[in-house]
Protein backbone atom coordinates (compact mmCIF):
# COMPACT_ATOMS: atom_id res chain seq x y z
CA UNK A 1 0.00 0.00 0.00
CA UNK A 2 1.38 3.39 -1.00
CA UNK A 3 1.19 5.89 1.83
CA UNK A 4 0.42 9.54 1.31
CA UNK A 5 1.27 12.32 3.71
CA UNK A 6 0.55 16.02 3.85
CA UNK A 7 2.88 18.51 5.53
CA UNK A 8 2.05 21.98 6.75
CA UNK A 9 3.52 24.53 9.14
CA UNK A 10 2.83 23.77 12.78
CA UNK A 11 -0.22 25.77 13.92
CA UNK A 12 -1.60 26.69 17.32
CA UNK A 13 -4.30 24.06 16.80
CA UNK A 14 -1.62 21.39 16.21
CA UNK A 15 0.24 21.99 19.47
CA UNK A 16 -1.89 19.79 21.73
CA UNK A 17 -2.58 17.23 18.99
CA UNK A 18 1.16 16.78 18.32
CA UNK A 19 2.05 16.39 21.99
CA UNK A 20 1.83 12.56 22.12
CA UNK A 21 4.50 12.41 19.39
CA UNK A 22 6.64 14.96 21.22
CA UNK A 23 6.30 13.02 24.46
CA UNK A 24 7.13 9.72 22.73
CA UNK A 25 10.35 11.23 21.36
CA UNK A 26 11.22 13.24 24.47
CA UNK A 27 9.52 11.67 27.54
CA UNK A 28 10.93 14.32 29.87
CA UNK A 29 8.91 17.04 28.10
CA UNK A 30 5.47 17.66 29.57
CA UNK A 31 2.55 19.39 27.88
CA UNK A 32 3.19 22.75 29.55
CA UNK A 33 6.83 22.78 28.40
CA UNK A 34 5.83 21.80 24.85
CA UNK A 35 3.07 24.43 24.70
CA UNK A 36 5.40 27.15 25.94
CA UNK A 37 8.08 26.23 23.40
CA UNK A 38 5.72 25.69 20.46
CA UNK A 39 3.87 28.97 20.97
CA UNK A 40 7.17 30.75 20.37
CA UNK A 41 7.57 29.24 16.90
CA UNK A 42 3.95 29.08 15.67
CA UNK A 43 2.62 31.81 13.45
CA UNK A 44 5.82 33.80 13.14
CA UNK A 45 6.35 35.56 9.82
CA UNK A 46 8.41 33.79 7.19
CA UNK A 47 11.28 33.67 6.67
CA UNK A 48 12.04 33.38 10.36
CA UNK A 49 15.00 31.54 11.83
CA UNK A 50 12.79 29.03 13.68
CA UNK A 51 9.60 27.11 13.02
CA UNK A 52 7.83 23.81 13.02
CA UNK A 53 6.05 21.44 10.68
CA UNK A 54 3.35 18.86 11.15
CA UNK A 55 2.87 15.73 9.04
CA UNK A 56 -0.55 14.10 8.59
CA UNK A 57 -1.38 10.76 7.05
CA UNK A 58 -4.16 10.17 4.51
CA UNK A 59 -6.65 9.82 7.39
CA UNK A 60 -5.76 13.31 8.64
CA UNK A 61 -4.01 12.09 11.77
CA UNK A 62 -0.82 13.78 12.94
CA UNK A 63 1.97 11.26 12.45
CA UNK A 64 5.01 13.53 12.44
CA UNK A 65 6.28 16.75 13.92
CA UNK A 66 9.55 18.60 13.69
CA UNK A 67 10.91 21.87 14.97
CA UNK A 68 13.82 23.69 13.39
CA UNK A 69 16.04 26.72 13.55
CA UNK A 70 18.53 28.17 11.10
CA UNK A 71 22.12 28.48 12.28
CA UNK A 72 25.54 29.09 10.91
CA UNK A 73 27.55 25.88 10.84
CA UNK A 74 31.34 25.69 10.52
CA UNK A 75 31.19 22.58 8.33
CA UNK A 76 28.08 23.28 6.28
CA UNK A 77 27.53 27.04 6.13
CA UNK A 78 23.88 27.79 6.78
CA UNK A 79 22.20 24.75 8.33
CA UNK A 80 18.65 23.82 9.19
CA UNK A 81 18.99 22.43 12.71
CA UNK A 82 16.16 20.08 13.65
CA UNK A 83 15.87 19.75 17.43
CA UNK A 84 12.68 17.72 17.51
CA UNK A 85 12.01 14.98 14.98
CA UNK A 86 9.18 12.60 15.81
CA UNK A 87 7.44 10.33 13.32
CA UNK A 88 5.03 7.53 14.14
CA UNK A 89 2.21 6.09 12.09
CA UNK A 90 -0.13 3.23 12.95
CA UNK A 91 1.19 1.18 10.04
CA UNK A 92 4.82 1.81 10.98
CA UNK A 93 7.14 4.72 11.27
CA UNK A 94 9.45 4.04 8.30
CA UNK A 95 7.21 5.73 5.71
CA UNK A 96 6.39 8.60 8.07
CA UNK A 97 10.08 9.07 8.86
CA UNK A 98 10.95 9.26 5.15
CA UNK A 99 8.12 11.74 4.54
CA UNK A 100 9.19 13.93 7.49
CA UNK A 101 12.80 13.87 6.30
CA UNK A 102 11.55 15.07 2.93
CA UNK A 103 9.72 17.91 4.71
CA UNK A 104 12.96 18.92 6.47
CA UNK A 105 14.92 18.84 3.21
CA UNK A 106 12.31 20.93 1.38
CA UNK A 107 12.28 23.46 4.23
CA UNK A 108 16.10 23.63 4.16
CA UNK A 109 16.06 24.31 0.42
CA UNK A 110 13.29 26.92 0.78
CA UNK A 111 15.37 28.71 3.42
CA UNK A 112 18.57 28.50 1.31
CA UNK A 113 20.35 26.23 3.78
CA UNK A 114 23.30 24.18 2.60
CA UNK A 115 23.00 21.41 5.19
CA UNK A 116 20.70 19.80 7.73
CA UNK A 117 21.57 18.76 11.28
CA UNK A 118 19.11 16.57 13.18
CA UNK A 119 19.25 15.76 16.88
CA UNK A 120 18.00 12.32 17.85
CA UNK A 121 17.24 11.63 21.49
CA UNK A 122 19.01 8.81 23.29
CA UNK A 123 17.46 5.47 22.52
CA UNK A 124 16.74 6.43 18.92
CA UNK A 125 18.76 3.64 17.31
CA UNK A 126 15.96 2.64 14.90
CA UNK A 127 15.50 6.25 13.87
CA UNK A 128 19.25 6.66 13.43
CA UNK A 129 19.32 3.65 11.08
CA UNK A 130 16.55 5.20 8.98
CA UNK A 131 18.55 8.42 8.77
CA UNK A 132 21.66 6.54 7.66
CA UNK A 133 19.75 4.80 4.86
CA UNK A 134 18.48 8.21 3.74
CA UNK A 135 21.99 9.59 3.19
CA UNK A 136 22.59 11.22 6.59
CA UNK A 137 25.70 10.47 8.63
CA UNK A 138 26.63 10.93 12.25
CA UNK A 139 29.05 13.84 12.70
CA UNK A 140 29.04 14.63 16.39
CA UNK A 141 27.84 13.73 19.85
CA UNK A 142 26.03 16.46 21.74
CA UNK A 143 26.52 16.85 25.49
CA UNK A 144 24.15 18.89 27.61
CA UNK A 145 24.27 20.07 31.20
CA UNK A 146 21.41 21.87 32.91
CA UNK A 147 22.83 24.95 34.63
CA UNK A 148 21.01 24.28 37.87
CA UNK A 149 23.70 21.64 38.57
CA UNK A 150 26.77 22.32 40.65
CA UNK A 151 29.44 24.31 38.78
CA UNK A 152 32.61 22.53 37.68
CA UNK A 153 35.38 23.06 40.19
CA UNK A 154 38.91 23.58 38.87
């Protein structure tokens, strides 16, 4: 069966509907955190250095969401940086993942980016394999430290 998907900019109405996908990809994010973040990127004029996209399957159900920002990158020039990438469809996530990757690539081209960087949360080995088969390659490991921790002592 050939799947069909429709992509559109993330809207205020999509924020709550997309939350289960966000939470599946990033379990530490609750609805209030997602709403606060998403409201800052929804409905901003284009071109803007940040935004989001929502992917729906042929039944109209949200099966993918991504958020992005445009940044300068030492290796790639102007890059579309995707911080949230979540794709899940009832018949499997492979087709939805490919469709959402296509959305990211089209957005990068529209915004005149010369590269795409995508962050995948820990435990995303299956997703990483799908990226590799789509021509992406791992370039770095990202470390993060919340600043409410103790400072490093010299």
